[in-house]
C-alpha atoms as a PDB file:
ATOM      1  CA  MET A   1     -19.972  20.854  20.468  1.00  0.00           C
ATOM      2  CA  ARG A   2     -20.387  17.601  19.271  1.00  0.00           C
ATOM      3  CA  CYS A   3     -19.719  17.083  15.878  1.00  0.00           C
ATOM      4  CA  GLU A   4     -23.039  16.209  13.907  1.00  0.00           C
ATOM      5  CA  ARG A   5     -21.006  13.524  11.725  1.00  0.00           C
ATOM      6  CA  HIS A   6     -21.219  11.319  14.772  1.00  0.00           C
ATOM      7  CA  ALA A   7     -25.014  11.156  14.675  1.00  0.00           C
ATOM      8  CA  ALA A   8     -24.815   8.837  11.576  1.00  0.00           C
ATOM      9  CA  PRO A   9     -22.109   6.823  10.043  1.00  0.00           C
ATOM     10  CA  PRO A  10     -19.841   8.751   7.214  1.00  0.00           C
ATOM     11  CA  GLN A  11     -21.376   9.269   3.737  1.00  0.00           C
ATOM     12  CA  PRO A  12     -19.178   7.928   1.072  1.00  0.00           C
ATOM     13  CA  ARG A  13     -17.844  11.026  -0.679  1.00  0.00           C
ATOM     14  CA  LEU A  14     -16.015  11.845  -4.252  1.00  0.00           C
ATOM     15  CA  THR A  15     -12.409  12.041  -3.296  1.00  0.00           C
ATOM     16  CA  ARG A  16      -9.228  11.652  -5.218  1.00  0.00           C
ATOM     17  CA  GLY A  17      -6.794   9.369  -4.463  1.00  0.00           C
ATOM     18  CA  TYR A  18      -3.839  11.984  -3.297  1.00  0.00           C
ATOM     19  CA  ASP A  19      -6.547  13.623  -1.279  1.00  0.00           C
ATOM     20  CA  ALA A  20      -7.695  10.367   0.470  1.00  0.00           C
ATOM     21  CA  ALA A  21      -4.421   9.205   1.058  1.00  0.00           C
ATOM     22  CA  VAL A  22      -3.651  12.887   3.116  1.00  0.00           C
ATOM     23  CA  TYR A  23      -6.822  12.119   5.140  1.00  0.00           C
ATOM     24  CA  GLY A  24      -5.490   8.841   5.965  1.00  0.00           C
ATOM     25  CA  ALA A  25      -2.417  10.343   7.416  1.00  0.00           C
ATOM     26  CA  LEU A  26      -4.487  13.122   9.351  1.00  0.00           C
ATOM     27  CA  LEU A  27      -6.688  10.488  10.682  1.00  0.00           C
ATOM     28  CA  ALA A  28      -3.832   8.343  12.379  1.00  0.00           C
ATOM     29  CA  GLY A  29      -2.878  11.597  14.052  1.00  0.00           C
ATOM     30  CA  CYS A  30      -0.158  12.824  11.794  1.00  0.00           C
ATOM     31  CA  ARG A  31       0.298  16.598  12.318  1.00  0.00           C
ATOM     32  CA  SER A  32       3.102  17.254   9.920  1.00  0.00           C
ATOM     33  CA  PHE A  33       3.914  16.348   6.230  1.00  0.00           C
ATOM     34  CA  HIS A  34       7.410  17.034   4.672  1.00  0.00           C
ATOM     35  CA  GLY A  35       7.174  16.617   0.774  1.00  0.00           C
ATOM     36  CA  GLY A  36       9.501  18.301  -2.492  1.00  0.00           C
ATOM     37  CA  THR A  37       8.042  20.050  -4.929  1.00  0.00           C
ATOM     38  CA  THR A  38       9.632  18.086  -8.066  1.00  0.00           C
ATOM     39  CA  GLY A  39       9.027  14.483  -9.503  1.00  0.00           C
ATOM     40  CA  PHE A  40       5.954  12.230  -9.121  1.00  0.00           C
ATOM     41  CA  ALA A  41       5.376  13.234  -5.479  1.00  0.00           C
ATOM     42  CA  ARG A  42       4.853  17.018  -6.258  1.00  0.00           C
ATOM     43  CA  ASP A  43       0.860  16.046  -6.772  1.00  0.00           C
ATOM     44  CA  LEU A  44       0.899  14.683  -3.315  1.00  0.00           C
ATOM     45  CA  SER A  45       2.782  17.547  -1.816  1.00  0.00           C
ATOM     46  CA  ASP A  46       0.425  20.005  -3.346  1.00  0.00           C
ATOM     47  CA  THR A  47      -2.337  18.344  -1.885  1.00  0.00           C
ATOM     48  CA  ALA A  48      -1.002  17.861   1.557  1.00  0.00           C
ATOM     49  CA  ALA A  49       0.284  21.757   1.485  1.00  0.00           C
ATOM     50  CA  ARG A  50      -3.799  22.457   1.008  1.00  0.00           C
ATOM     51  CA  LEU A  51      -5.169  19.919   3.376  1.00  0.00           C
ATOM     52  CA  PHE A  52      -3.064  19.973   6.352  1.00  0.00           C
ATOM     53  CA  PRO A  53      -3.153  23.505   7.284  1.00  0.00           C
ATOM     54  CA  ALA A  54      -6.958  23.320   7.080  1.00  0.00           C
ATOM     55  CA  CYS A  55      -7.053  20.040   9.709  1.00  0.00           C
ATOM     56  CA  GLY A  56      -4.807  21.474  12.153  1.00  0.00           C
ATOM     57  CA  GLY A  57      -1.578  20.194  10.794  1.00  0.00           C
ATOM     58  CA  ALA A  58       1.529  21.488   8.809  1.00  0.00           C
ATOM     59  CA  PHE A  59       2.992  21.065   5.543  1.00  0.00           C
ATOM     60  CA  LEU A  60       6.780  21.725   5.186  1.00  0.00           C
ATOM     61  CA  GLY A  61       7.929  22.126   2.000  1.00  0.00           C
ATOM     62  CA  ALA A  62      11.655  20.436   1.062  1.00  0.00           C
ATOM     63  CA  ALA A  63      14.306  21.331  -1.098  1.00  0.00           C
ATOM     64  CA  SER A  64      14.998  17.736  -1.649  1.00  0.00           C
ATOM     65  CA  GLU A  65      13.369  14.092  -0.845  1.00  0.00           C
ATOM     66  CA  SER A  66      16.531  13.679   1.176  1.00  0.00           C
ATOM     67  CA  ALA A  67      15.786  16.661   3.079  1.00  0.00           C
ATOM     68  CA  ALA A  68      12.286  16.263   3.736  1.00  0.00           C
ATOM     69  CA  PHE A  69      13.400  12.510   4.967  1.00  0.00           C
ATOM     70  CA  GLU A  70      15.929  13.482   7.412  1.00  0.00           C
ATOM     71  CA  ALA A  71      13.138  16.077   8.893  1.00  0.00           C
ATOM     72  CA  VAL A  72      10.616  13.317   9.394  1.00  0.00           C
ATOM     73  CA  ARG A  73      13.506  11.236  10.913  1.00  0.00           C
ATOM     74  CA  ALA A  74      14.230  13.915  13.422  1.00  0.00           C
ATOM     75  CA  GLU A  75      10.407  14.566  14.029  1.00  0.00           C
ATOM     76  CA  ALA A  76      10.026  10.790  14.591  1.00  0.00           C
ATOM     77  CA  ALA A  77      12.805  10.425  17.268  1.00  0.00           C
ATOM     78  CA  THR A  78      11.054  12.916  19.538  1.00  0.00           C
ATOM     79  CA  GLY A  79       7.734  10.526  19.216  1.00  0.00           C
ATOM     80  CA  ASP A  80       5.700  13.010  16.802  1.00  0.00           C
ATOM     81  CA  ARG A  81       3.699  11.305  14.009  1.00  0.00           C
ATOM     82  CA  THR A  82       4.908  12.695  10.617  1.00  0.00           C
ATOM     83  CA  MET A  83       5.508  11.691   7.141  1.00  0.00           C
ATOM     84  CA  ALA A  84       6.975  12.603   4.178  1.00  0.00           C
ATOM     85  CA  ALA A  85       6.332  11.988   0.404  1.00  0.00           C
ATOM     86  CA  VAL A  86       8.895  10.330  -1.735  1.00  0.00           C
ATOM     87  CA  SER A  87       9.216   9.303  -5.232  1.00  0.00           C
ATOM     88  CA  GLY A  88      13.368   8.771  -5.970  1.00  0.00           C
ATOM     89  CA  ALA A  89      15.187   5.599  -5.977  1.00  0.00           C
ATOM     90  CA  ALA A  90      16.853   6.705  -2.961  1.00  0.00           C
ATOM     91  CA  LEU A  91      14.050   5.590  -0.768  1.00  0.00           C
ATOM     92  CA  TRP A  92      16.075   2.169   0.241  1.00  0.00           C
ATOM     93  CA  GLN A  93      18.971   3.790   1.607  1.00  0.00           C
ATOM     94  CA  LEU A  94      16.617   6.511   3.698  1.00  0.00           C
ATOM     95  CA  LEU A  95      14.469   3.388   5.077  1.00  0.00           C
ATOM     96  CA  ALA A  96      17.871   1.462   5.850  1.00  0.00           C
ATOM     97  CA  GLU A  97      18.880   4.371   8.223  1.00  0.00           C
ATOM     98  CA  ALA A  98      15.418   4.769   9.797  1.00  0.00           C
ATOM     99  CA  GLU A  99      15.325   1.041  10.224  1.00  0.00           C
ATOM    100  CA  ARG A 100      19.054   1.001  11.715  1.00  0.00           C
ATOM    101  CA  ALA A 101      17.443   3.859  14.205  1.00  0.00           C
ATOM    102  CA  GLN A 102      14.469   2.235  14.918  1.00  0.00           C
ATOM    103  CA  LEU A 103      12.294   5.304  14.163  1.00  0.00           C
ATOM    104  CA  PRO A 104       8.513   4.768  13.433  1.00  0.00           C
ATOM    105  CA  VAL A 105       9.050   6.829   9.965  1.00  0.00           C
ATOM    106  CA  VAL A 106       6.202   6.470   7.465  1.00  0.00           C
ATOM    107  CA  ALA A 107       6.738   7.396   3.708  1.00  0.00           C
ATOM    108  CA  LEU A 108       4.287   7.763   0.512  1.00  0.00           C
ATOM    109  CA  HIS A 109       6.062   6.379  -2.481  1.00  0.00           C
ATOM    110  CA  VAL A 110       4.668   8.026  -5.542  1.00  0.00           C
ATOM    111  CA  ARG A 111       6.504   6.297  -8.566  1.00  0.00           C
ATOM    112  CA  ALA A 112       5.306   4.909 -11.898  1.00  0.00           C
ATOM    113  CA  GLU A 113       8.390   2.462 -11.983  1.00  0.00           C
ATOM    114  CA  ALA A 114       8.409  -0.327  -8.959  1.00  0.00           C
ATOM    115  CA  LEU A 115      10.647  -0.031  -6.075  1.00  0.00           C
ATOM    116  CA  PRO A 116      14.015  -0.700  -6.424  1.00  0.00           C
ATOM    117  CA  SER A 117      14.881  -4.462  -5.714  1.00  0.00           C
ATOM    118  CA  GLU A 118      17.036  -3.665  -2.630  1.00  0.00           C
ATOM    119  CA  VAL A 119      13.818  -2.667  -0.649  1.00  0.00           C
ATOM    120  CA  VAL A 120      13.238  -6.408   0.016  1.00  0.00           C
ATOM    121  CA  PRO A 121      17.032  -7.501   0.745  1.00  0.00           C
ATOM    122  CA  ALA A 122      17.792 -10.826   0.979  1.00  0.00           C
ATOM    123  CA  GLY A 123      18.349 -10.473   4.939  1.00  0.00           C
ATOM    124  CA  GLY A 124      14.760  -9.935   5.590  1.00  0.00           C
ATOM    125  CA  GLU A 125      12.189  -6.762   5.315  1.00  0.00           C
ATOM    126  CA  PRO A 126      13.534  -3.640   6.176  1.00  0.00           C
ATOM    127  CA  ALA A 127      10.208  -1.843   6.279  1.00  0.00           C
ATOM    128  CA  PHE A 128       6.482  -2.403   6.058  1.00  0.00           C
ATOM    129  CA  VAL A 129       5.110  -1.725   2.350  1.00  0.00           C
ATOM    130  CA  LEU A 130       1.575  -1.403   2.078  1.00  0.00           C
ATOM    131  CA  ALA A 131      -0.096  -1.643  -1.789  1.00  0.00           C
ATOM    132  CA  PRO A 132      -3.408  -0.101  -2.137  1.00  0.00           C
ATOM    133  CA  ALA A 133      -5.551  -0.509  -5.020  1.00  0.00           C
ATOM    134  CA  SER A 134      -8.451   1.890  -4.288  1.00  0.00           C
ATOM    135  CA  PRO A 135      -8.965   5.646  -3.164  1.00  0.00           C
ATOM    136  CA  GLN A 136     -10.713   4.139   0.049  1.00  0.00           C
ATOM    137  CA  GLU A 137      -7.903   1.794   0.300  1.00  0.00           C
ATOM    138  CA  LEU A 138      -5.255   4.875   0.070  1.00  0.00           C
ATOM    139  CA  ALA A 139      -6.880   6.190   3.250  1.00  0.00           C
ATOM    140  CA  ASP A 140      -7.388   3.044   4.936  1.00  0.00           C
ATOM    141  CA  LEU A 141      -3.778   1.780   4.751  1.00  0.00           C
ATOM    142  CA  THR A 142      -2.221   5.126   5.388  1.00  0.00           C
ATOM    143  CA  CYS A 143      -3.592   5.176   8.524  1.00  0.00           C
ATOM    144  CA  LEU A 144      -2.497   1.316   9.246  1.00  0.00           C
ATOM    145  CA  ALA A 145       0.779   2.159   8.161  1.00  0.00           C
ATOM    146  CA  PHE A 146       0.961   4.812  10.876  1.00  0.00           C
ATOM    147  CA  ASP A 147      -0.190   1.785  13.521  1.00  0.00           C
ATOM    148  CA  LEU A 148       2.389  -0.761  12.125  1.00  0.00           C
ATOM    149  CA  ALA A 149       5.224   1.737  12.213  1.00  0.00           C
ATOM    150  CA  HIS A 150       4.634   2.656  15.878  1.00  0.00           C
ATOM    151  CA  ARG A 151       3.888  -0.576  17.460  1.00  0.00           C
ATOM    152  CA  HIS A 152       6.917  -2.282  15.767  1.00  0.00           C
ATOM    153  CA  ARG A 153       8.860   0.781  15.587  1.00  0.00           C
ATOM    154  CA  ARG A 154      10.054   0.090  11.955  1.00  0.00           C
ATOM    155  CA  PRO A 155       9.557   2.283   9.007  1.00  0.00           C
ATOM    156  CA  ALA A 156       6.357   1.559   6.853  1.00  0.00           C
ATOM    157  CA  VAL A 157       5.802   2.595   3.028  1.00  0.00           C
ATOM    158  CA  VAL A 158       2.278   3.457   1.167  1.00  0.00           C
ATOM    159  CA  LEU A 159       2.866   2.856  -2.455  1.00  0.00           C
ATOM    160  CA  VAL A 160       0.830   5.257  -4.538  1.00  0.00           C
ATOM    161  CA  ASP A 161       1.227   5.313  -8.337  1.00  0.00           C
ATOM    162  CA  PRO A 162       0.195   8.214 -10.280  1.00  0.00           C
ATOM    163  CA  PHE A 163      -2.817   6.220 -12.014  1.00  0.00           C
ATOM    164  CA  LEU A 164      -4.281   5.581  -8.308  1.00  0.00           C
ATOM    165  CA  GLY A 165      -3.503   9.213  -7.037  1.00  0.00           C
ATOM    166  CA  GLN A 166      -5.558  10.665  -9.800  1.00  0.00           C
ATOM    167  CA  MET A 167      -8.440   8.225  -9.475  1.00  0.00           C
ATOM    168  CA  VAL A 168     -11.748   9.638  -8.107  1.00  0.00           C
ATOM    169  CA  GLU A 169     -14.035   7.370  -6.403  1.00  0.00           C
ATOM    170  CA  PRO A 170     -16.176   7.311  -3.185  1.00  0.00           C
ATOM    171  CA  VAL A 171     -14.714   7.380  -0.086  1.00  0.00           C
ATOM    172  CA  SER A 172     -16.132   7.034   3.384  1.00  0.00           C
ATOM    173  CA  LEU A 173     -14.205   9.219   6.090  1.00  0.00           C
ATOM    174  CA  PRO A 174     -15.112  10.355   9.362  1.00  0.00           C
ATOM    175  CA  CYS A 175     -14.712  13.628  10.619  1.00  0.00           C
ATOM    176  CA  VAL A 176     -11.081  13.982  11.039  1.00  0.00           C
ATOM    177  CA  THR A 177     -10.852  16.164  14.155  1.00  0.00           C
ATOM    178  CA  CYS A 178     -13.594  14.575  16.156  1.00  0.00           C
ATOM    179  CA  ASP A 179     -12.331  10.996  15.243  1.00  0.00           C
ATOM    180  CA  ARG A 180      -9.172  11.591  16.422  1.00  0.00           C
ATOM    181  CA  ALA A 181     -10.232  13.065  20.022  1.00  0.00           C
ATOM    182  CA  ARG A 182     -12.336  10.260  20.096  1.00  0.00           C
ATOM    183  CA  ARG A 183      -9.973   7.075  19.549  1.00  0.00           C
ATOM    184  CA  GLY A 184      -6.762   8.700  19.335  1.00  0.00           C
ATOM    185  CA  PRO A 185      -4.229   7.864  16.604  1.00  0.00           C
ATOM    186  CA  CYS A 186      -5.576   5.040  14.492  1.00  0.00           C
ATOM    187  CA  GLY A 187      -6.679   3.368  17.893  1.00  0.00           C
ATOM    188  CA  VAL A 188      -2.949   2.895  19.076  1.00  0.00           C
ATOM    189  CA  SER A 189      -2.690   2.958  22.698  1.00  0.00           C
ATOM    190  CA  SER A 190       0.962   2.891  24.391  1.00  0.00           C
ATOM    191  CA  ALA A 191      -0.196  -0.609  25.575  1.00  0.00           C
ATOM    192  CA  GLU A 192       0.150  -1.994  22.351  1.00  0.00           C
ATOM    193  CA  LEU A 193       3.726  -1.550  21.467  1.00  0.00           C
ATOM    194  CA  ILE A 194       5.390  -4.538  20.225  1.00  0.00           C
ATOM    195  CA  SER A 195       8.778  -5.519  21.154  1.00  0.00           C
ATOM    196  CA  VAL A 196      11.888  -4.744  18.643  1.00  0.00           C
ATOM    197  CA  GLY A 197      12.889  -7.553  16.940  1.00  0.00           C
ATOM    198  CA  GLU A 198       8.998  -9.671  17.189  1.00  0.00           C
ATOM    199  CA  PRO A 199       8.377 -11.375  14.271  1.00  0.00           C
ATOM    200  CA  VAL A 200       5.981  -9.286  11.787  1.00  0.00           C
ATOM    201  CA  GLY A 201       5.448 -11.994   9.512  1.00  0.00           C
ATOM    202  CA  ARG A 202       1.841 -12.017  11.188  1.00  0.00           C
ATOM    203  CA  GLU A 203       1.098  -8.377  10.198  1.00  0.00           C
ATOM    204  CA  ALA A 204       0.838 -10.182   6.636  1.00  0.00           C
ATOM    205  CA  ARG A 205      -2.362  -9.089   4.828  1.00  0.00           C
ATOM    206  CA  TRP A 206      -3.933 -10.354   1.710  1.00  0.00           C
ATOM    207  CA  GLU A 207      -7.601 -10.839  -0.165  1.00  0.00           C
ATOM    208  CA  GLU A 208      -8.725 -13.791  -1.638  1.00  0.00           C
ATOM    209  CA  GLY A 209     -11.679 -14.990  -3.796  1.00  0.00           C
ATOM    210  CA  GLY A 210     -12.670 -18.314  -5.817  1.00  0.00           C
ATOM    211  CA  THR A 211      -9.909 -20.217  -4.019  1.00  0.00           C
ATOM    212  CA  GLU A 212     -11.631 -23.007  -2.408  1.00  0.00           C
ATOM    213  CA  ASP A 213     -12.081 -24.892  -6.268  1.00  0.00           C
ATOM    214  CA  ALA A 214      -9.498 -22.888  -8.240  1.00  0.00           C
ATOM    215  CA  ASP A 215      -7.448 -24.595 -11.204  1.00  0.00           C
ATOM    216  CA  VAL A 216      -5.596 -21.353 -11.750  1.00  0.00           C
ATOM    217  CA  LEU A 217      -4.765 -18.454  -9.280  1.00  0.00           C
ATOM    218  CA  LEU A 218      -4.454 -14.729 -10.639  1.00  0.00           C
ATOM    219  CA  VAL A 219      -1.944 -12.549  -8.062  1.00  0.00           C
ATOM    220  CA  GLY A 220      -2.036  -9.387  -8.136  1.00  0.00           C
ATOM    221  CA  TRP A 221      -1.501  -5.911  -6.465  1.00  0.00           C
ATOM    222  CA  GLY A 222      -2.265  -2.553  -6.115  1.00  0.00           C
ATOM    223  CA  SER A 223      -3.395  -1.008  -9.443  1.00  0.00           C
ATOM    224  CA  ALA A 224      -3.411  -3.765 -11.226  1.00  0.00           C
ATOM    225  CA  ALA A 225      -5.305  -6.159  -8.659  1.00  0.00           C
ATOM    226  CA  ARG A 226      -8.573  -4.095  -9.498  1.00  0.00           C
ATOM    227  CA  THR A 227      -9.210  -6.293 -12.687  1.00  0.00           C
ATOM    228  CA  LEU A 228      -8.899  -9.390 -10.624  1.00  0.00           C
ATOM    229  CA  PRO A 229     -12.387  -9.711  -9.511  1.00  0.00           C
ATOM    230  CA  ARG A 230     -13.759  -9.497 -12.826  1.00  0.00           C
ATOM    231  CA  ALA A 231     -10.763 -11.414 -14.816  1.00  0.00           C
ATOM    232  CA  MET A 232     -11.856 -14.274 -12.642  1.00  0.00           C
ATOM    233  CA  ALA A 233     -15.743 -14.079 -13.215  1.00  0.00           C
ATOM    234  CA  LEU A 234     -15.106 -13.714 -17.185  1.00  0.00           C
ATOM    235  CA  ALA A 235     -12.907 -16.754 -16.853  1.00  0.00           C
ATOM    236  CA  ARG A 236     -15.257 -18.852 -14.936  1.00  0.00           C
ATOM    237  CA  ALA A 237     -17.884 -17.944 -17.149  1.00  0.00           C
ATOM    238  CA  GLN A 238     -15.377 -19.576 -20.107  1.00  0.00           C
ATOM    239  CA  GLY A 239     -15.439 -22.603 -18.138  1.00  0.00           C
ATOM    240  CA  LEU A 240     -11.891 -21.940 -16.336  1.00  0.00           C
ATOM    241  CA  ARG A 241     -12.016 -22.444 -12.606  1.00  0.00           C
ATOM    242  CA  ALA A 242      -9.927 -19.230 -11.535  1.00  0.00           C
ATOM    243  CA  GLY A 243      -9.224 -17.720  -8.103  1.00  0.00           C
ATOM    244  CA  PHE A 244      -7.349 -14.866  -6.982  1.00  0.00           C
ATOM    245  CA  LEU A 245      -4.958 -13.639  -4.169  1.00  0.00           C
ATOM    246  CA  ARG A 246      -4.223 -10.141  -3.737  1.00  0.00           C
ATOM    247  CA  PRO A 247      -1.311  -9.310  -1.688  1.00  0.00           C
ATOM    248  CA  VAL A 248      -2.395  -6.003   0.461  1.00  0.00           C
ATOM    249  CA  THR A 249       1.018  -6.395   2.311  1.00  0.00           C
ATOM    250  CA  LEU A 250       3.880  -6.651   0.066  1.00  0.00           C
ATOM    251  CA  ALA A 251       6.268  -6.813   3.191  1.00  0.00           C
ATOM    252  CA  PRO A 252       5.542  -8.949   4.813  1.00  0.00           C
ATOM    253  CA  PHE A 253       4.558 -10.760   1.898  1.00  0.00           C
ATOM    254  CA  PRO A 254       1.522 -13.322   2.677  1.00  0.00           C
ATOM    255  CA  SER A 255       4.007 -16.044   1.664  1.00  0.00           C
ATOM    256  CA  ALA A 256       2.558 -19.025   3.509  1.00  0.00           C
ATOM    257  CA  ARG A 257      -0.812 -18.451   1.905  1.00  0.00           C
ATOM    258  CA  LEU A 258       0.534 -18.217  -1.248  1.00  0.00           C
ATOM    259  CA  ALA A 259       2.562 -21.285  -0.696  1.00  0.00           C
ATOM    260  CA  ALA A 260      -0.494 -23.182   0.479  1.00  0.00           C
ATOM    261  CA  LEU A 261      -3.063 -22.158  -2.435  1.00  0.00           C
ATOM    262  CA  SER A 262       0.081 -23.198  -4.999  1.00  0.00           C
ATOM    263  CA  ASP A 263      -0.374 -26.653  -3.469  1.00  0.00           C
ATOM    264  CA  ARG A 264      -4.126 -27.003  -5.039  1.00  0.00           C
ATOM    265  CA  VAL A 265      -3.792 -25.430  -8.107  1.00  0.00           C
ATOM    266  CA  HIS A 266      -2.183 -26.156 -11.823  1.00  0.00           C
ATOM    267  CA  SER A 267      -1.067 -22.663 -12.368  1.00  0.00           C
ATOM    268  CA  VAL A 268      -0.340 -19.176 -10.968  1.00  0.00           C
ATOM    269  CA  VAL A 269      -0.640 -16.105 -13.208  1.00  0.00           C
ATOM    270  CA  LEU A 270       0.993 -13.099 -12.051  1.00  0.00           C
ATOM    271  CA  LEU A 271      -0.629  -9.402 -13.012  1.00  0.00           C
ATOM    272  CA  GLU A 272       1.698  -6.316 -12.887  1.00  0.00           C
ATOM    273  CA  ALA A 273       2.279  -3.208 -14.980  1.00  0.00           C
ATOM    274  CA  THR A 274       6.050  -3.566 -14.280  1.00  0.00           C
ATOM    275  CA  PRO A 275       8.486  -5.861 -13.025  1.00  0.00           C
ATOM    276  CA  SER A 276       8.809  -5.770  -9.547  1.00  0.00           C
ATOM    277  CA  PRO A 277      10.940  -7.321  -6.365  1.00  0.00           C
ATOM    278  CA  TRP A 278       7.529  -9.277  -5.491  1.00  0.00           C
ATOM    279  CA  SER A 279       7.426 -11.082  -8.699  1.00  0.00           C
ATOM    280  CA  ASP A 280      10.410 -13.060  -7.341  1.00  0.00           C
ATOM    281  CA  ALA A 281       8.592 -13.317  -3.799  1.00  0.00           C
ATOM    282  CA  VAL A 282       5.633 -15.036  -5.758  1.00  0.00           C
ATOM    283  CA  ARG A 283       7.650 -17.180  -7.580  1.00  0.00           C
ATOM    284  CA  THR A 284       9.734 -18.136  -4.177  1.00  0.00           C
ATOM    285  CA  SER A 285       6.426 -18.657  -2.503  1.00  0.00           C
ATOM    286  CA  ALA A 286       5.064 -21.003  -5.273  1.00  0.00           C
ATOM    287  CA  GLY A 287       8.424 -23.017  -4.616  1.00  0.00           C
ATOM    288  CA  GLY A 288       8.503 -24.668  -8.130  1.00  0.00           C
ATOM    289  CA  ARG A 289       5.559 -26.561  -7.350  1.00  0.00           C
ATOM    290  CA  VAL A 290       3.213 -24.709 -10.472  1.00  0.00           C
ATOM    291  CA  PRO A 291       4.206 -22.810 -13.145  1.00  0.00           C
ATOM    292  CA  VAL A 292       4.022 -18.687 -12.909  1.00  0.00           C
ATOM    293  CA  THR A 293       2.663 -16.773 -15.966  1.00  0.00           C
ATOM    294  CA  VAL A 294       3.308 -12.980 -16.147  1.00  0.00           C
ATOM    295  CA  VAL A 295       1.048 -10.698 -17.752  1.00  0.00           C
ATOM    296  CA  ARG A 296       1.479  -7.154 -18.679  1.00  0.00           C
ATOM    297  CA  GLY A 297      -0.562  -5.044 -20.155  1.00  0.00           C
ATOM    298  CA  GLY A 298      -0.192  -2.684 -23.438  1.00  0.00           C
ATOM    299  CA  ALA A 299       0.278   0.514 -23.581  1.00  0.00           C
ATOM    300  CA  GLY A 300      -0.968   3.485 -21.349  1.00  0.00           C
ATOM    301  CA  THR A 301      -1.025   2.504 -18.154  1.00  0.00           C
ATOM    302  CA  GLY A 302       0.629  -0.675 -18.715  1.00  0.00           C
ATOM    303  CA  LEU A 303      -1.698  -2.475 -16.648  1.00  0.00           C
ATOM    304  CA  PRO A 304      -3.678  -5.528 -17.867  1.00  0.00           C
ATOM    305  CA  SER A 305      -7.555  -5.220 -18.315  1.00  0.00           C
ATOM    306  CA  ALA A 306      -9.793  -8.104 -17.333  1.00  0.00           C
ATOM    307  CA  GLU A 307     -10.317  -8.836 -20.649  1.00  0.00           C
ATOM    308  CA  GLU A 308      -6.871  -9.322 -21.563  1.00  0.00           C
ATOM    309  CA  THR A 309      -6.281 -11.503 -18.782  1.00  0.00           C
ATOM    310  CA  ALA A 310      -9.190 -13.731 -19.573  1.00  0.00           C
ATOM    311  CA  ARG A 311      -8.062 -14.313 -23.101  1.00  0.00           C
ATOM    312  CA  THR A 312      -4.627 -14.904 -21.775  1.00  0.00           C
ATOM    313  CA  LEU A 313      -5.825 -17.097 -19.459  1.00  0.00           C
ATOM    314  CA  LEU A 314      -7.796 -19.218 -21.978  1.00  0.00           C
ATOM    315  CA  ARG A 315      -5.174 -18.931 -24.344  1.00  0.00           C
ATOM    316  CA  ARG A 316      -1.930 -20.023 -22.328  1.00  0.00           C
ATOM    317  CA  VAL A 317      -3.172 -21.879 -19.451  1.00  0.00           C
END
């Protein structure tokens, strides 16, 4: 029987961020989800335990995150699409092992703090790292993570902070069952596989606005990036020509684009909740051409508001 949802584009529905991420995995053709029951990943695992069996998949609980990741590695080695929810700092070691084995492992990283700096070592980037800024992007970028991992045969990580995971917003999702049958896992065919060792820099993705005449460039990702358009508008209303650049992929980082914009602006302002290894990536990309100012929020989520950012711009820049 033909699904009635093919008759019209899917209508947005209020969806929690964790649910959107799980639906994105299902749309990518993921058939099993491994997760622990402790730490920040617990809510995500609870969501997967509810949704995966309902959509024809399997949820497999694990005694620890290391055990969950080992199970994912074993299944990925057989060609199955599978994923794990992790929140611990041991993610780097687990990713490095999957990278050496050339396994397309996908992980949802749920943690309030930033990833350890070792996740982006000096010798290169061991995994794709994607930074959603909304529940809709949690679905879209989780699906994309499987696409990138399987085309390049290397791990991929989707960052999910608890603030974003609990957020509820309209999300547009096609029917999981009929969409997967129609176009396959994330639309990827075997002909699209890329040779191991192929440069991944071309997979860098970003969003920008107001950069054509900007004197000040705002940079942020993940939840912090949600304030960028409004902060830019508030600053421009006060006569300060601001633009923004939001890296969607933190690995590969859009260094070339940020470097090009750094040649045209007078300063770069970085918005972030906590220090992260990509703070250094911003400074490195700027290359000393312009000063880089960091803005962090106060209590609560630690995310700077658009009003706080605009006031900081007018006071410091």
